[in-house]
Amino acid sequence: MFTRMALIGSAEFIERIQSVAPLVGGIELDSYIYKQPHEAPLIIKDLKPCDVVFFSGALPYFFSKKEHEKLPVPVIYLAQDELAIASSLLASFYHKHISLDRVSIDLFNASLVKNVLTSVDINTLPEHIIDLEKMLNRDVFDLAALVSFHKSLWEKGAIDLALTSVHAVYNQLIEHGIPAMRMADPKITLIRGLQEAKSQANYAKSQSAQVAVGYVSIHSTDKEHERLIRSFAHDIHATVQQLTHSSYTLYSTRGDIEGVIEQDLFLEYLTDFPEIAIGFGYGSTIIEADKNAIVALSFAEKELNKNCAYILTNEKELIGPFPEEQRQQRLINDSPAFLQIAQKAKLSPANLSKIIQFGKVRQSHHFTAADLSDYLQVTRRTTERMIKKLVEHGYIHVVGEEMTYQQGRPRAVYILNMPIYN
């Protein structure tokens, strides 16, 4: 299965990444181009379903930190290394014939320059260098001030070349007629970046696919509890085994459990259940998950006369107690993009919201009408009507067909083509 990456960066960065992507293999790229790094937060809101987000560098990553920390997928950026610094300095010496003391440099982690130079027995460090990492650590960054750093040195006659790590700074320096070079991203660095992004996505998928075992103990004789158990099991795609009239075992996956937690459905069920204790355990095997679930349940049962749930991960991290850790839940999605999609496709905001949530919790981006129908708990015909409307406006794409083992037409396979993370 392909890893779907959302690339966020300048047009030049996107072009270079796309040129080396075939050398990595097994990846699909969705490109999001900005003109300025501070545009990254707005791009986050327009991301389509993906397995990992890959930023061109630390700046757009920093500017959108508040937004991308909410994403349910890994987020990484291409970090500068000694190879990038060495390649850039070599290019300035060879092509421009400029000595080190006549170059102004901005980069992330100025110690990288010292590492490169001392490795070849050059003990003289550049005189004009600014460390962008220190600026980010102070939670301030002024692009105009960075341009001014290079420009003032040029106007004083102190430099012959500006070497910058920021594409937007390079563009402005060129507009001012100042000789400038962009910090190099060697081919091997780009390839390693893509490989790291793919690795992070695969790890997240493996974590999401971990076995989850849940033990449920109900301290009430209310007959309503069985219906609630079945409803809860449906939402976490679990199979149910009834142990006694008041205890159950659920078998699901870590991704499905964390999906209902993300939606706050877990807290809703805990509120509805009459006197219940739940313990979920994650593990690489059912045996490991089962042992962790038993431990988690023992913690939940210590909370007398109130509903309680704990989760014990395979890393032995105990999460809980639920529902003590309440999180604010936004009940209305009133973003202009969301409302525009609903109006164009002539869908109710409620149904569109459910479809978007469906896209968030699924481990696979591909789905059939049957998958969506089961999630929405509506008829197949109703689901197909909604899909048709979204396909007509380009918000869902048909990507193939699923062959059935029975007679009949192959079922279409779809993928969402709309922002789902805002």
Protein backbone atom coordinates (compact mmCIF):
# COMPACT_ATOMS: atom_id res chain seq x y z
CA MET A 1 0.00 0.00 0.00
CA PHE A 2 1.28 3.45 -0.95
CA THR A 3 2.17 6.08 1.64
CA ARG A 4 0.34 9.32 0.90
CA MET A 5 2.42 12.39 1.79
CA ALA A 6 1.34 16.01 2.02
CA LEU A 7 4.31 18.16 0.94
CA ILE A 8 4.32 21.77 2.16
CA GLY A 9 6.96 24.10 0.83
CA SER A 10 8.09 26.54 -1.84
CA ALA A 11 7.62 25.78 -5.53
CA GLU A 12 11.34 25.03 -5.90
CA PHE A 13 11.35 22.62 -2.96
CA ILE A 14 8.30 20.79 -4.29
CA GLU A 15 9.90 20.48 -7.73
CA ARG A 16 13.13 19.03 -6.29
CA ILE A 17 11.29 16.57 -4.05
CA GLN A 18 9.17 15.37 -6.95
CA SER A 19 12.32 14.76 -9.00
CA VAL A 20 13.74 12.30 -6.44
CA ALA A 21 10.46 10.70 -5.31
CA PRO A 22 10.67 7.85 -7.89
CA LEU A 23 13.94 6.77 -6.24
CA VAL A 24 12.10 6.11 -2.96
CA GLY A 25 9.05 4.27 -4.30
CA GLY A 26 5.80 3.35 -2.60
CA ILE A 27 4.74 6.96 -2.03
CA GLU A 28 2.09 9.31 -3.40
CA LEU A 29 2.68 13.06 -3.15
CA ASP A 30 0.10 15.82 -2.64
CA SER A 31 1.82 19.19 -3.08
CA TYR A 32 0.86 22.38 -1.24
CA ILE A 33 2.89 25.39 -2.38
CA TYR A 34 3.32 28.61 -0.42
CA LYS A 35 4.98 31.90 -1.36
CA GLN A 36 5.84 32.76 2.25
CA PRO A 37 6.50 30.31 5.14
CA HIS A 38 3.91 32.03 7.36
CA GLU A 39 1.19 30.82 4.95
CA ALA A 40 1.67 27.25 6.27
CA PRO A 41 -1.07 27.45 8.97
CA LEU A 42 -3.70 28.16 6.32
CA ILE A 43 -2.46 25.24 4.23
CA ILE A 44 -2.90 22.87 7.17
CA LYS A 45 -6.62 23.60 7.10
CA ASP A 46 -6.81 22.56 3.45
CA LEU A 47 -5.02 19.22 3.76
CA LYS A 48 -6.69 16.23 2.16
CA PRO A 49 -6.42 12.76 3.73
CA CYS A 50 -2.77 11.75 4.10
CA ASP A 51 -0.48 9.46 6.09
CA VAL A 52 2.22 12.02 6.90
CA VAL A 53 2.89 15.75 6.50
CA PHE A 54 6.35 16.74 5.24
CA PHE A 55 7.46 20.38 5.56
CA SER A 56 10.28 21.87 3.51
CA GLY A 57 12.01 23.14 6.64
CA ALA A 58 11.77 24.32 10.23
CA LEU A 59 10.18 27.70 9.43
CA PRO A 60 6.82 26.53 8.02
CA TYR A 61 6.83 23.79 10.66
CA PHE A 62 7.29 26.42 13.38
CA PHE A 63 4.70 28.84 11.97
CA SER A 64 2.01 26.12 11.82
CA LYS A 65 2.91 24.34 15.08
CA LYS A 66 -0.39 25.18 16.75
CA GLU A 67 -2.34 23.78 13.80
CA HIS A 68 -0.31 20.69 12.93
CA GLU A 69 -0.14 19.47 16.53
CA LYS A 70 -3.85 18.68 16.18
CA LEU A 71 -3.32 16.41 13.18
CA PRO A 72 -3.80 12.65 13.68
CA VAL A 73 -0.83 11.84 11.41
CA PRO A 74 2.96 12.27 11.84
CA VAL A 75 4.45 15.65 10.93
CA ILE A 76 8.13 16.11 10.07
CA TYR A 77 10.33 18.68 8.36
CA LEU A 78 13.54 18.51 6.31
CA ALA A 79 16.29 19.37 8.77
CA GLN A 80 19.58 20.94 7.68
CA ASP A 81 22.67 18.82 8.18
CA GLU A 82 26.43 19.06 7.66
CA LEU A 83 26.11 17.79 4.10
CA ALA A 84 23.78 20.66 3.16
CA ILE A 85 26.14 23.21 4.75
CA ALA A 86 29.25 21.72 3.13
CA SER A 87 27.58 21.62 -0.30
CA SER A 88 26.46 25.24 0.00
CA LEU A 89 29.86 26.55 1.13
CA LEU A 90 31.64 24.59 -1.59
CA ALA A 91 29.29 26.01 -4.22
CA SER A 92 29.93 29.58 -3.03
CA PHE A 93 33.70 29.09 -3.10
CA TYR A 94 33.82 27.28 -6.44
CA HIS A 95 31.25 29.20 -8.46
CA LYS A 96 31.49 32.65 -6.88
CA HIS A 97 35.18 32.62 -5.80
CA ILE A 98 34.21 34.37 -2.55
CA SER A 99 36.11 33.94 0.70
CA LEU A 100 34.32 32.86 3.87
CA ASP A 101 34.67 36.22 5.62
CA ARG A 102 32.79 37.91 2.75
CA VAL A 103 29.65 35.76 3.09
CA SER A 104 26.63 36.38 5.33
CA ILE A 105 24.83 33.20 6.36
CA ASP A 106 21.49 32.41 7.96
CA LEU A 107 20.81 28.82 8.96
CA PHE A 108 19.28 26.59 11.58
CA ASN A 109 21.90 25.66 14.17
CA ALA A 110 25.03 27.69 13.49
CA SER A 111 27.20 24.99 15.09
CA LEU A 112 26.82 22.98 11.86
CA VAL A 113 29.13 25.45 10.12
CA LYS A 114 31.79 24.97 12.78
CA ASN A 115 31.45 21.19 12.49
CA VAL A 116 32.00 21.31 8.73
CA LEU A 117 34.96 23.67 8.82
CA THR A 118 36.81 22.00 11.71
CA SER A 119 36.43 18.62 9.99
CA VAL A 120 38.69 19.94 7.20
CA ASP A 121 41.03 21.81 9.58
CA ILE A 122 39.62 25.29 8.92
CA ASN A 123 39.56 27.09 12.25
CA THR A 124 38.31 30.47 10.99
CA LEU A 125 34.54 30.82 11.41
CA PRO A 126 32.34 33.16 9.31
CA GLU A 127 32.03 36.66 10.73
CA HIS A 128 28.44 37.25 9.59
CA ILE A 129 26.15 34.45 10.68
CA ILE A 130 22.70 34.35 12.27
CA ASP A 131 21.19 31.31 13.99
CA LEU A 132 17.52 30.90 13.04
CA GLU A 133 17.02 28.19 15.66
CA LYS A 134 17.67 30.71 18.45
CA MET A 135 15.06 33.01 16.95
CA LEU A 136 12.51 30.20 16.89
CA ASN A 137 13.31 29.20 20.46
CA ARG A 138 12.33 32.71 21.54
CA ASP A 139 8.98 32.20 19.75
CA VAL A 140 9.68 35.18 17.51
CA PHE A 141 10.57 35.35 13.88
CA ASP A 142 10.69 38.43 11.69
CA LEU A 143 11.28 37.73 8.00
CA ALA A 144 11.87 41.43 7.31
CA ALA A 145 14.55 41.53 10.00
CA LEU A 146 16.30 38.57 8.38
CA VAL A 147 16.30 40.31 5.00
CA SER A 148 17.60 43.43 6.71
CA PHE A 149 20.46 41.43 8.28
CA HIS A 150 21.86 40.54 4.85
CA LYS A 151 20.91 43.84 3.18
CA SER A 152 22.62 46.06 5.77
CA LEU A 153 25.86 44.06 5.51
CA TRP A 154 25.74 44.38 1.71
CA GLU A 155 25.12 48.12 1.84
CA LYS A 156 28.06 48.53 4.25
CA GLY A 157 30.30 46.68 1.80
CA ALA A 158 30.98 43.94 4.37
CA ILE A 159 29.87 41.02 2.17
CA ASP A 160 29.90 39.90 -1.45
CA LEU A 161 27.28 37.15 -1.09
CA ALA A 162 24.29 36.27 1.10
CA LEU A 163 23.70 32.56 1.75
CA THR A 164 20.18 31.97 3.04
CA SER A 165 18.14 29.01 4.22
CA VAL A 166 14.81 30.71 3.50
CA HIS A 167 13.48 30.81 -0.08
CA ALA A 168 11.36 33.89 0.66
CA VAL A 169 14.45 35.75 1.90
CA TYR A 170 16.37 34.75 -1.23
CA ASN A 171 13.60 36.13 -3.44
CA GLN A 172 13.59 39.46 -1.63
CA LEU A 173 17.37 39.78 -1.71
CA ILE A 174 17.39 39.21 -5.47
CA GLU A 175 14.69 41.87 -5.85
CA HIS A 176 17.01 44.28 -3.99
CA GLY A 177 19.85 43.39 -6.37
CA ILE A 178 21.89 41.67 -3.67
CA PRO A 179 23.93 38.62 -4.78
CA ALA A 180 22.41 35.64 -2.98
CA MET A 181 22.40 31.86 -2.95
CA ARG A 182 19.95 29.41 -1.44
CA MET A 183 21.24 26.85 1.03
CA ALA A 184 21.58 23.59 -0.87
CA ASP A 185 19.38 20.55 -0.26
CA PRO A 186 21.55 17.74 -1.70
CA LYS A 187 19.77 14.95 -3.52
CA ILE A 188 20.70 12.39 -0.88
CA THR A 189 19.27 14.67 1.86
CA LEU A 190 15.94 14.90 0.03
CA ILE A 191 15.84 11.13 -0.44
CA ARG A 192 16.58 10.55 3.25
CA GLY A 193 13.85 13.03 4.15
CA LEU A 194 11.29 11.14 2.07
CA GLN A 195 12.44 7.82 3.53
CA GLU A 196 12.09 9.20 7.06
CA ALA A 197 8.59 10.52 6.30
CA LYS A 198 7.60 7.13 4.87
CA SER A 199 9.07 5.35 7.89
CA GLN A 200 7.19 7.62 10.32
CA ALA A 201 3.92 7.02 8.44
CA ASN A 202 4.41 3.24 8.44
CA TYR A 203 5.22 3.27 12.16
CA ALA A 204 2.07 5.27 12.91
CA LYS A 205 0.03 2.81 10.85
CA SER A 206 1.54 -0.15 12.69
CA GLN A 207 0.70 1.51 16.01
CA SER A 208 -2.84 2.17 14.86
CA ALA A 209 -3.23 -1.47 13.78
CA GLN A 210 -2.15 -2.84 17.17
CA VAL A 211 -4.53 -5.23 18.86
CA ALA A 212 -6.84 -3.69 21.46
CA VAL A 213 -8.63 -5.82 24.03
CA GLY A 214 -11.25 -4.34 26.32
CA TYR A 215 -12.81 -5.69 29.47
CA VAL A 216 -16.15 -4.21 30.49
CA SER A 217 -17.66 -4.70 33.94
CA ILE A 218 -21.14 -3.32 34.61
CA HIS A 219 -22.30 -2.96 38.20
CA SER A 220 -25.93 -2.36 37.36
CA THR A 221 -28.81 -4.67 36.38
CA ASP A 222 -30.16 -2.09 33.93
CA LYS A 223 -31.10 -3.96 30.72
CA GLU A 224 -30.14 -0.92 28.68
CA HIS A 225 -26.46 -1.76 29.10
CA GLU A 226 -26.49 -4.50 26.45
CA ARG A 227 -27.75 -2.13 23.77
CA LEU A 228 -25.10 0.41 24.75
CA ILE A 229 -22.38 -2.27 24.60
CA ARG A 230 -23.45 -3.28 21.09
CA SER A 231 -23.57 0.35 19.96
CA PHE A 232 -20.15 1.08 21.46
CA ALA A 233 -18.70 -2.06 19.84
CA HIS A 234 -20.02 -0.94 16.47
CA ASP A 235 -18.32 2.43 16.76
CA ILE A 236 -14.95 0.86 17.56
CA HIS A 237 -15.42 -1.92 14.96
CA ALA A 238 -15.13 -4.50 17.73
CA THR A 239 -16.30 -8.06 18.11
CA VAL A 240 -18.07 -8.75 21.40
CA GLN A 241 -17.87 -11.74 23.69
CA GLN A 242 -20.26 -11.80 26.64
CA LEU A 243 -18.62 -13.41 29.67
CA THR A 244 -21.45 -13.04 32.20
CA HIS A 245 -24.70 -11.09 32.31
CA SER A 246 -22.69 -8.01 33.36
CA SER A 247 -19.23 -8.45 31.82
CA TYR A 248 -17.97 -8.38 28.25
CA THR A 249 -14.78 -8.62 26.25
CA LEU A 250 -14.22 -6.41 23.19
CA TYR A 251 -11.65 -7.03 20.44
CA SER A 252 -10.67 -4.05 18.32
CA THR A 253 -7.60 -2.05 17.25
CA ARG A 254 -5.70 0.82 18.82
CA GLY A 255 -6.57 3.09 15.90
CA ASP A 256 -10.30 2.50 16.34
CA ILE A 257 -10.16 3.16 20.09
CA GLU A 258 -8.19 6.36 19.65
CA GLY A 259 -10.62 7.39 16.92
CA VAL A 260 -13.62 7.38 19.27
CA ILE A 261 -11.53 9.15 21.93
CA GLU A 262 -10.65 11.84 19.40
CA GLN A 263 -14.35 12.32 18.63
CA ASP A 264 -15.21 12.38 22.35
CA LEU A 265 -17.61 9.47 21.73
CA PHE A 266 -15.80 7.50 24.44
CA LEU A 267 -16.73 10.11 27.02
CA GLU A 268 -20.33 10.16 25.80
CA TYR A 269 -20.65 6.40 26.26
CA LEU A 270 -19.13 6.56 29.72
CA THR A 271 -21.73 9.17 30.64
CA ASP A 272 -24.60 7.03 29.29
CA PHE A 273 -23.55 3.72 30.83
CA PRO A 274 -24.97 2.82 34.26
CA GLU A 275 -22.08 2.19 36.71
CA ILE A 276 -19.40 0.79 34.43
CA ALA A 277 -15.66 0.03 34.60
CA ILE A 278 -13.68 -0.39 31.36
CA GLY A 279 -10.08 -1.43 30.86
CA PHE A 280 -8.46 -1.38 27.41
CA GLY A 281 -5.07 -2.86 26.67
CA TYR A 282 -2.94 -2.39 23.55
CA GLY A 283 -0.40 -4.91 22.35
CA SER A 284 1.46 -6.43 19.42
CA THR A 285 -0.37 -9.69 20.15
CA ILE A 286 -3.75 -10.57 21.65
CA ILE A 287 -1.98 -12.10 24.66
CA GLU A 288 -0.08 -8.87 25.37
CA ALA A 289 -3.17 -6.72 24.85
CA ASP A 290 -5.23 -9.03 27.07
CA LYS A 291 -2.76 -8.76 29.94
CA ASN A 292 -2.69 -4.99 29.64
CA ALA A 293 -6.50 -4.84 29.57
CA ILE A 294 -6.75 -6.81 32.81
CA VAL A 295 -4.38 -4.37 34.52
CA ALA A 296 -6.28 -1.36 33.12
CA LEU A 297 -9.59 -2.81 34.37
CA SER A 298 -8.14 -3.28 37.86
CA PHE A 299 -7.42 0.46 38.01
CA ALA A 300 -10.90 1.33 36.72
CA GLU A 301 -12.62 -0.90 39.31
CA LYS A 302 -10.88 0.92 42.15
CA GLU A 303 -13.02 3.95 41.35
CA LEU A 304 -16.15 3.07 43.34
CA ASN A 305 -19.65 4.37 42.61
CA LYS A 306 -18.73 6.12 39.37
CA ASN A 307 -18.03 5.29 35.76
CA CYS A 308 -14.37 4.93 34.95
CA ALA A 309 -12.06 3.69 32.19
CA TYR A 310 -8.31 3.27 31.81
CA ILE A 311 -6.08 2.32 28.90
CA LEU A 312 -2.72 0.58 29.26
CA THR A 313 -0.52 0.73 26.15
CA ASN A 314 2.11 -1.79 25.11
CA GLU A 315 4.68 0.82 26.21
CA LYS A 316 3.13 0.44 29.72
CA GLU A 317 1.74 3.96 29.66
CA LEU A 318 -1.44 4.17 31.73
CA ILE A 319 -3.94 6.63 30.25
CA GLY A 320 -6.90 7.84 32.28
CA PRO A 321 -8.99 8.00 34.22
CA PHE A 322 -11.79 8.71 31.78
CA PRO A 323 -14.09 10.66 31.90
CA GLU A 324 -12.11 12.85 34.31
CA GLU A 325 -10.02 14.33 31.49
CA GLN A 326 -12.79 16.14 29.68
CA ARG A 327 -11.85 17.98 26.49
CA GLN A 328 -13.76 20.74 24.84
CA GLN A 329 -15.71 19.55 21.84
CA ARG A 330 -16.64 21.77 18.94
CA LEU A 331 -20.21 20.88 18.06
CA ILE A 332 -20.51 23.06 14.97
CA ASN A 333 -18.16 23.19 12.00
CA ASP A 334 -18.70 26.66 10.59
CA SER A 335 -15.55 27.04 8.51
CA PRO A 336 -16.22 28.70 5.13
CA ALA A 337 -14.62 25.80 3.25
CA PHE A 338 -16.84 23.27 5.03
CA LEU A 339 -20.02 25.24 4.37
CA GLN A 340 -19.03 25.76 0.74
CA ILE A 341 -18.64 22.00 0.21
CA ALA A 342 -22.00 21.33 1.87
CA GLN A 343 -23.74 23.92 -0.29
CA LYS A 344 -22.17 22.80 -3.57
CA ALA A 345 -22.86 19.12 -2.98
CA LYS A 346 -26.30 19.87 -1.49
CA LEU A 347 -25.57 17.83 1.64
CA SER A 348 -26.59 18.68 5.16
CA PRO A 349 -23.70 19.92 7.34
CA ALA A 350 -24.43 17.04 9.72
CA ASN A 351 -23.97 14.38 7.02
CA LEU A 352 -20.89 16.07 5.61
CA SER A 353 -19.39 16.29 9.11
CA LYS A 354 -19.93 12.56 9.58
CA ILE A 355 -18.26 11.80 6.23
CA ILE A 356 -15.25 13.93 7.18
CA GLN A 357 -15.02 12.16 10.53
CA PHE A 358 -15.20 8.85 8.65
CA GLY A 359 -12.13 9.96 6.68
CA LYS A 360 -10.26 10.83 9.87
CA VAL A 361 -10.80 7.54 11.69
CA ARG A 362 -10.21 5.11 8.81
CA GLN A 363 -6.80 3.48 8.65
CA SER A 364 -7.10 3.17 4.86
CA HIS A 365 -7.88 6.19 2.68
CA HIS A 366 -9.72 3.97 0.17
CA PHE A 367 -13.30 2.93 0.87
CA THR A 368 -16.46 1.53 -0.71
CA ALA A 369 -20.07 2.63 -0.43
CA ALA A 370 -20.62 -0.32 1.90
CA ASP A 371 -17.86 0.92 4.24
CA LEU A 372 -19.39 4.39 4.43
CA SER A 373 -22.94 3.03 4.76
CA ASP A 374 -21.89 0.90 7.71
CA TYR A 375 -20.22 3.87 9.40
CA LEU A 376 -23.13 6.27 8.83
CA GLN A 377 -25.72 3.64 9.76
CA VAL A 378 -27.89 4.55 6.77
CA THR A 379 -29.05 2.52 3.78
CA ARG A 380 -26.75 1.73 0.90
CA ARG A 381 -28.96 3.74 -1.46
CA THR A 382 -28.77 6.84 0.76
CA THR A 383 -24.99 6.49 0.96
CA GLU A 384 -24.63 6.12 -2.81
CA ARG A 385 -26.68 9.28 -3.35
CA MET A 386 -24.34 11.25 -1.07
CA ILE A 387 -21.27 9.77 -2.76
CA LYS A 388 -22.65 10.64 -6.21
CA LYS A 389 -23.13 14.29 -5.21
CA LEU A 390 -19.59 14.53 -3.86
CA VAL A 391 -18.12 12.78 -6.92
CA GLU A 392 -19.91 15.21 -9.24
CA HIS A 393 -18.21 18.15 -7.52
CA GLY A 394 -14.79 16.52 -7.26
CA TYR A 395 -14.84 16.02 -3.48
CA ILE A 396 -14.64 12.24 -3.88
CA HIS A 397 -12.61 10.46 -6.56
CA VAL A 398 -13.16 6.99 -7.96
CA VAL A 399 -9.79 5.22 -7.75
CA GLY A 400 -10.65 1.66 -8.77
CA GLU A 401 -12.94 -1.29 -8.40
CA GLU A 402 -13.16 -4.01 -5.79
CA MET A 403 -13.80 -7.47 -7.21
CA THR A 404 -16.38 -9.44 -5.27
CA TYR A 405 -16.39 -13.17 -4.65
CA GLN A 406 -20.04 -13.36 -5.64
CA GLN A 407 -21.83 -12.59 -8.85
CA GLY A 408 -22.63 -8.98 -9.57
CA ARG A 409 -20.94 -5.79 -10.60
CA PRO A 410 -17.58 -4.87 -9.05
CA ARG A 411 -17.90 -2.26 -6.30
CA ALA A 412 -16.33 1.14 -6.88
CA VAL A 413 -13.46 2.16 -4.60
CA TYR A 414 -13.30 5.82 -3.59
CA ILE A 415 -10.99 8.30 -1.90
CA LEU A 416 -11.90 11.62 -0.26
CA ASN A 417 -10.61 14.71 -2.08
CA MET A 418 -11.48 17.43 0.43
CA PRO A 419 -9.90 19.01 3.51
CA ILE A 420 -10.66 16.89 6.59
CA TYR A 421 -8.34 18.22 9.31
CA ASN A 422 -9.70 21.75 9.89
